[in-house]
Amino acid sequence: MSQMATAAAAATGRKENHSVSKRLQHELMTLMMNGSKGISAFPDGDNLFKWIGTIEGPDETVYSGLTYKLSLEFPCDYPYTAPTVKFVTDCFHPNVDKFGNICLDILKEKWSSAYDIKSLLMSIQSLLGEPNNESPLNTHAAELWSQKEAYRKYLHEKYAKSQSSDTKSQ
């Protein structure tokens, strides 16, 4: 690549990063001013492309009273490409694997640039109470889902255990 082509590519990259930064700053302000119950997200330090999100389990579900942290990483071509979102807090759920990966269509093939961080977090929050058992990442959770009390008991024991090990490691 010639020096001129390299310089043009770098300038384009800076311009794209600037527009992505502006979009992320706007979304941050929207979240801060018009946040929804049980969700929040903020940049992780000075890096506007890496955020930490928080989701509270929806009321009247087995997840009620539980709080989960998520990591959000935004690509340079956001919002045209979905961010990478993972649970940081251990999450026992049919559509979440042991590494925190989430099986949700809007994070993959159904992503649209019309989505924002708020709608994404609300979708994940909704997924907690309404899993897609047709496409589970965690088959044990999917099998147990139909037995609500057994599921709730296992979930809360696993959550309490993960919280106590997090406290010890800090």
C-alpha atoms as a PDB file:
ATOM      1  CA  MET A   1       0.000   0.000   0.000  1.00  0.00           C
ATOM      2  CA  SER A   2       1.356   3.401  -0.930  1.00  0.00           C
ATOM      3  CA  GLN A   3       1.918   6.093   1.695  1.00  0.00           C
ATOM      4  CA  MET A   4      -0.964   8.077   0.245  1.00  0.00           C
ATOM      5  CA  ALA A   5      -3.327   5.080   0.436  1.00  0.00           C
ATOM      6  CA  THR A   6      -2.170   4.359   3.998  1.00  0.00           C
ATOM      7  CA  ALA A   7      -2.772   7.973   5.016  1.00  0.00           C
ATOM      8  CA  ALA A   8      -6.224   7.955   3.379  1.00  0.00           C
ATOM      9  CA  ALA A   9      -7.147   4.721   5.162  1.00  0.00           C
ATOM     10  CA  ALA A  10      -5.960   6.142   8.499  1.00  0.00           C
ATOM     11  CA  ALA A  11      -7.975   9.333   7.951  1.00  0.00           C
ATOM     12  CA  THR A  12     -11.079   7.291   7.105  1.00  0.00           C
ATOM     13  CA  GLY A  13     -10.552   5.184  10.236  1.00  0.00           C
ATOM     14  CA  ARG A  14     -10.279   8.311  12.407  1.00  0.00           C
ATOM     15  CA  LYS A  15     -13.431   9.732  10.835  1.00  0.00           C
ATOM     16  CA  GLU A  16     -15.338   6.454  11.439  1.00  0.00           C
ATOM     17  CA  ASN A  17     -14.052   6.276  15.022  1.00  0.00           C
ATOM     18  CA  HIS A  18     -15.144   9.883  15.548  1.00  0.00           C
ATOM     19  CA  SER A  19     -18.680   9.168  14.334  1.00  0.00           C
ATOM     20  CA  VAL A  20     -18.827   5.978  16.438  1.00  0.00           C
ATOM     21  CA  SER A  21     -17.561   7.937  19.451  1.00  0.00           C
ATOM     22  CA  LYS A  22     -20.236  10.582  18.901  1.00  0.00           C
ATOM     23  CA  ARG A  23     -22.920   7.889  18.665  1.00  0.00           C
ATOM     24  CA  LEU A  24     -21.687   6.183  21.854  1.00  0.00           C
ATOM     25  CA  GLN A  25     -21.542   9.509  23.715  1.00  0.00           C
ATOM     26  CA  HIS A  26     -25.098  10.249  22.605  1.00  0.00           C
ATOM     27  CA  GLU A  27     -26.272   6.800  23.750  1.00  0.00           C
ATOM     28  CA  LEU A  28     -24.542   7.288  27.110  1.00  0.00           C
ATOM     29  CA  MET A  29     -26.367  10.585  27.610  1.00  0.00           C
ATOM     30  CA  THR A  30     -29.683   8.982  26.618  1.00  0.00           C
ATOM     31  CA  LEU A  31     -29.126   6.149  29.096  1.00  0.00           C
ATOM     32  CA  MET A  32     -28.219   8.587  31.869  1.00  0.00           C
ATOM     33  CA  MET A  33     -31.183  10.893  31.212  1.00  0.00           C
ATOM     34  CA  ASN A  34     -33.851   8.362  30.230  1.00  0.00           C
ATOM     35  CA  GLY A  35     -32.684   5.103  31.721  1.00  0.00           C
ATOM     36  CA  SER A  36     -35.055   2.194  32.099  1.00  0.00           C
ATOM     37  CA  LYS A  37     -35.722   0.338  35.325  1.00  0.00           C
ATOM     38  CA  GLY A  38     -33.140  -2.285  36.025  1.00  0.00           C
ATOM     39  CA  ILE A  39     -30.571  -1.492  33.337  1.00  0.00           C
ATOM     40  CA  SER A  40     -27.490   0.713  33.214  1.00  0.00           C
ATOM     41  CA  ALA A  41     -24.229   0.935  31.288  1.00  0.00           C
ATOM     42  CA  PHE A  42     -21.134   3.108  31.384  1.00  0.00           C
ATOM     43  CA  PRO A  43     -17.748   3.138  29.672  1.00  0.00           C
ATOM     44  CA  ASP A  44     -15.148   1.027  31.449  1.00  0.00           C
ATOM     45  CA  GLY A  45     -12.610   3.707  32.305  1.00  0.00           C
ATOM     46  CA  ASP A  46     -11.516   6.029  29.504  1.00  0.00           C
ATOM     47  CA  ASN A  47     -12.214   3.606  26.662  1.00  0.00           C
ATOM     48  CA  LEU A  48     -15.503   4.582  25.029  1.00  0.00           C
ATOM     49  CA  PHE A  49     -15.479   1.321  23.038  1.00  0.00           C
ATOM     50  CA  LYS A  50     -15.598  -0.921  26.162  1.00  0.00           C
ATOM     51  CA  TRP A  51     -18.507  -0.650  28.586  1.00  0.00           C
ATOM     52  CA  ILE A  52     -19.786  -2.401  31.691  1.00  0.00           C
ATOM     53  CA  GLY A  53     -23.527  -2.938  31.790  1.00  0.00           C
ATOM     54  CA  THR A  54     -25.780  -3.969  34.650  1.00  0.00           C
ATOM     55  CA  ILE A  55     -29.082  -5.792  34.384  1.00  0.00           C
ATOM     56  CA  GLU A  56     -31.453  -6.564  37.214  1.00  0.00           C
ATOM     57  CA  GLY A  57     -33.540  -9.690  36.876  1.00  0.00           C
ATOM     58  CA  PRO A  58     -37.079  -8.824  35.780  1.00  0.00           C
ATOM     59  CA  ASP A  59     -39.780  -8.751  38.465  1.00  0.00           C
ATOM     60  CA  GLU A  60     -42.032 -11.795  38.687  1.00  0.00           C
ATOM     61  CA  THR A  61     -39.418 -14.091  37.139  1.00  0.00           C
ATOM     62  CA  VAL A  62     -36.999 -16.557  38.712  1.00  0.00           C
ATOM     63  CA  TYR A  63     -34.308 -13.872  38.174  1.00  0.00           C
ATOM     64  CA  SER A  64     -36.071 -11.239  40.298  1.00  0.00           C
ATOM     65  CA  GLY A  65     -33.683  -9.796  42.885  1.00  0.00           C
ATOM     66  CA  LEU A  66     -30.531 -10.873  41.021  1.00  0.00           C
ATOM     67  CA  THR A  67     -28.133  -8.413  39.388  1.00  0.00           C
ATOM     68  CA  TYR A  68     -25.812  -9.252  36.516  1.00  0.00           C
ATOM     69  CA  LYS A  69     -22.819  -7.436  35.056  1.00  0.00           C
ATOM     70  CA  LEU A  70     -22.104  -7.578  31.347  1.00  0.00           C
ATOM     71  CA  SER A  71     -19.204  -6.486  29.167  1.00  0.00           C
ATOM     72  CA  LEU A  72     -19.962  -4.631  25.956  1.00  0.00           C
ATOM     73  CA  GLU A  73     -17.301  -4.127  23.284  1.00  0.00           C
ATOM     74  CA  PHE A  74     -18.138  -1.919  20.341  1.00  0.00           C
ATOM     75  CA  PRO A  75     -16.560  -2.476  16.927  1.00  0.00           C
ATOM     76  CA  CYS A  76     -15.175   0.406  14.878  1.00  0.00           C
ATOM     77  CA  ASP A  77     -18.173   0.157  12.540  1.00  0.00           C
ATOM     78  CA  TYR A  78     -20.840   0.312  15.263  1.00  0.00           C
ATOM     79  CA  PRO A  79     -23.841   0.676  14.901  1.00  0.00           C
ATOM     80  CA  TYR A  80     -23.659  -1.195  11.584  1.00  0.00           C
ATOM     81  CA  THR A  81     -22.165  -4.187  13.382  1.00  0.00           C
ATOM     82  CA  ALA A  82     -23.443  -5.475  16.711  1.00  0.00           C
ATOM     83  CA  PRO A  83     -21.326  -5.069  19.836  1.00  0.00           C
ATOM     84  CA  THR A  84     -19.880  -8.142  21.519  1.00  0.00           C
ATOM     85  CA  VAL A  85     -21.851  -8.629  24.729  1.00  0.00           C
ATOM     86  CA  LYS A  86     -21.069 -11.199  27.425  1.00  0.00           C
ATOM     87  CA  PHE A  87     -22.189 -11.843  30.964  1.00  0.00           C
ATOM     88  CA  VAL A  88     -19.367 -11.124  33.416  1.00  0.00           C
ATOM     89  CA  THR A  89     -21.427 -12.418  36.349  1.00  0.00           C
ATOM     90  CA  ASP A  90     -22.026 -16.166  36.110  1.00  0.00           C
ATOM     91  CA  CYS A  91     -25.487 -16.569  34.609  1.00  0.00           C
ATOM     92  CA  PHE A  92     -27.357 -19.873  34.655  1.00  0.00           C
ATOM     93  CA  HIS A  93     -29.721 -19.541  31.701  1.00  0.00           C
ATOM     94  CA  PRO A  94     -30.712 -21.629  28.677  1.00  0.00           C
ATOM     95  CA  ASN A  95     -29.312 -19.021  26.255  1.00  0.00           C
ATOM     96  CA  VAL A  96     -26.040 -18.256  28.080  1.00  0.00           C
ATOM     97  CA  ASP A  97     -23.029 -20.575  28.027  1.00  0.00           C
ATOM     98  CA  LYS A  98     -20.459 -21.069  30.801  1.00  0.00           C
ATOM     99  CA  PHE A  99     -18.246 -18.357  29.254  1.00  0.00           C
ATOM    100  CA  GLY A 100     -21.005 -15.726  29.366  1.00  0.00           C
ATOM    101  CA  ASN A 101     -21.753 -15.827  25.627  1.00  0.00           C
ATOM    102  CA  ILE A 102     -25.359 -14.981  24.825  1.00  0.00           C
ATOM    103  CA  CYS A 103     -27.505 -16.605  22.143  1.00  0.00           C
ATOM    104  CA  LEU A 104     -29.774 -13.761  21.042  1.00  0.00           C
ATOM    105  CA  ASP A 105     -30.721 -13.106  17.434  1.00  0.00           C
ATOM    106  CA  ILE A 106     -30.249  -9.321  17.663  1.00  0.00           C
ATOM    107  CA  LEU A 107     -26.612  -9.883  18.630  1.00  0.00           C
ATOM    108  CA  LYS A 108     -26.130 -11.852  15.407  1.00  0.00           C
ATOM    109  CA  GLU A 109     -28.177 -12.041  12.210  1.00  0.00           C
ATOM    110  CA  LYS A 110     -31.066  -9.808  13.339  1.00  0.00           C
ATOM    111  CA  TRP A 111     -28.855  -6.870  14.352  1.00  0.00           C
ATOM    112  CA  SER A 112     -29.917  -3.494  12.969  1.00  0.00           C
ATOM    113  CA  SER A 113     -28.259  -0.096  13.242  1.00  0.00           C
ATOM    114  CA  ALA A 114     -31.611   1.100  14.633  1.00  0.00           C
ATOM    115  CA  TYR A 115     -30.815  -0.723  17.903  1.00  0.00           C
ATOM    116  CA  ASP A 116     -29.039   1.138  20.661  1.00  0.00           C
ATOM    117  CA  ILE A 117     -27.480   0.135  23.958  1.00  0.00           C
ATOM    118  CA  LYS A 118     -30.715   0.727  25.866  1.00  0.00           C
ATOM    119  CA  SER A 119     -32.797  -1.504  23.565  1.00  0.00           C
ATOM    120  CA  LEU A 120     -30.061  -4.139  23.588  1.00  0.00           C
ATOM    121  CA  LEU A 121     -29.908  -4.267  27.405  1.00  0.00           C
ATOM    122  CA  MET A 122     -33.701  -4.342  27.621  1.00  0.00           C
ATOM    123  CA  SER A 123     -33.750  -7.290  25.181  1.00  0.00           C
ATOM    124  CA  ILE A 124     -31.212  -9.202  27.272  1.00  0.00           C
ATOM    125  CA  GLN A 125     -33.179  -8.396  30.429  1.00  0.00           C
ATOM    126  CA  SER A 126     -36.344  -9.692  28.742  1.00  0.00           C
ATOM    127  CA  LEU A 127     -34.494 -12.834  27.604  1.00  0.00           C
ATOM    128  CA  LEU A 128     -33.806 -13.693  31.254  1.00  0.00           C
ATOM    129  CA  GLY A 129     -37.503 -14.271  31.897  1.00  0.00           C
ATOM    130  CA  GLU A 130     -38.356 -15.572  28.426  1.00  0.00           C
ATOM    131  CA  PRO A 131     -35.595 -17.867  27.140  1.00  0.00           C
ATOM    132  CA  ASN A 132     -35.553 -19.438  23.704  1.00  0.00           C
ATOM    133  CA  ASN A 133     -35.380 -23.118  24.628  1.00  0.00           C
ATOM    134  CA  GLU A 134     -35.378 -24.081  20.941  1.00  0.00           C
ATOM    135  CA  SER A 135     -31.776 -22.873  20.671  1.00  0.00           C
ATOM    136  CA  PRO A 136     -30.087 -23.429  24.044  1.00  0.00           C
ATOM    137  CA  LEU A 137     -26.416 -22.871  24.791  1.00  0.00           C
ATOM    138  CA  ASN A 138     -26.931 -24.424  28.228  1.00  0.00           C
ATOM    139  CA  THR A 139     -28.910 -27.659  27.819  1.00  0.00           C
ATOM    140  CA  HIS A 140     -29.079 -28.282  31.578  1.00  0.00           C
ATOM    141  CA  ALA A 141     -30.807 -24.915  32.113  1.00  0.00           C
ATOM    142  CA  ALA A 142     -33.123 -25.567  29.150  1.00  0.00           C
ATOM    143  CA  GLU A 143     -34.155 -28.963  30.530  1.00  0.00           C
ATOM    144  CA  LEU A 144     -34.731 -27.585  34.046  1.00  0.00           C
ATOM    145  CA  TRP A 145     -36.649 -24.485  32.836  1.00  0.00           C
ATOM    146  CA  SER A 146     -40.052 -26.228  32.808  1.00  0.00           C
ATOM    147  CA  GLN A 147     -39.662 -27.044  36.533  1.00  0.00           C
ATOM    148  CA  LYS A 148     -39.823 -23.470  37.844  1.00  0.00           C
ATOM    149  CA  GLU A 149     -39.223 -24.134  41.551  1.00  0.00           C
ATOM    150  CA  ALA A 150     -36.319 -26.512  40.919  1.00  0.00           C
ATOM    151  CA  TYR A 151     -34.907 -24.003  38.431  1.00  0.00           C
ATOM    152  CA  ARG A 152     -35.267 -21.108  40.883  1.00  0.00           C
ATOM    153  CA  LYS A 153     -33.588 -23.098  43.680  1.00  0.00           C
ATOM    154  CA  TYR A 154     -30.653 -24.163  41.478  1.00  0.00           C
ATOM    155  CA  LEU A 155     -30.300 -20.665  40.015  1.00  0.00           C
ATOM    156  CA  HIS A 156     -30.239 -18.908  43.382  1.00  0.00           C
ATOM    157  CA  GLU A 157     -27.781 -21.422  44.883  1.00  0.00           C
ATOM    158  CA  LYS A 158     -25.463 -21.038  41.878  1.00  0.00           C
ATOM    159  CA  TYR A 159     -25.783 -17.231  41.992  1.00  0.00           C
ATOM    160  CA  ALA A 160     -25.025 -17.074  45.750  1.00  0.00           C
ATOM    161  CA  LYS A 161     -22.016 -19.359  45.277  1.00  0.00           C
ATOM    162  CA  SER A 162     -20.633 -17.207  42.436  1.00  0.00           C
ATOM    163  CA  GLN A 163     -21.163 -14.016  44.461  1.00  0.00           C
ATOM    164  CA  SER A 164     -19.292 -15.395  47.472  1.00  0.00           C
ATOM    165  CA  SER A 165     -16.365 -16.524  45.282  1.00  0.00           C
ATOM    166  CA  ASP A 166     -16.308 -13.058  43.620  1.00  0.00           C
ATOM    167  CA  THR A 167     -16.146 -11.406  47.042  1.00  0.00           C
ATOM    168  CA  LYS A 168     -13.259 -13.658  48.121  1.00  0.00           C
ATOM    169  CA  SER A 169     -11.239 -12.924  44.968  1.00  0.00           C
ATOM    170  CA  GLN A 170     -11.480  -9.133  45.379  1.00  0.00           C
END
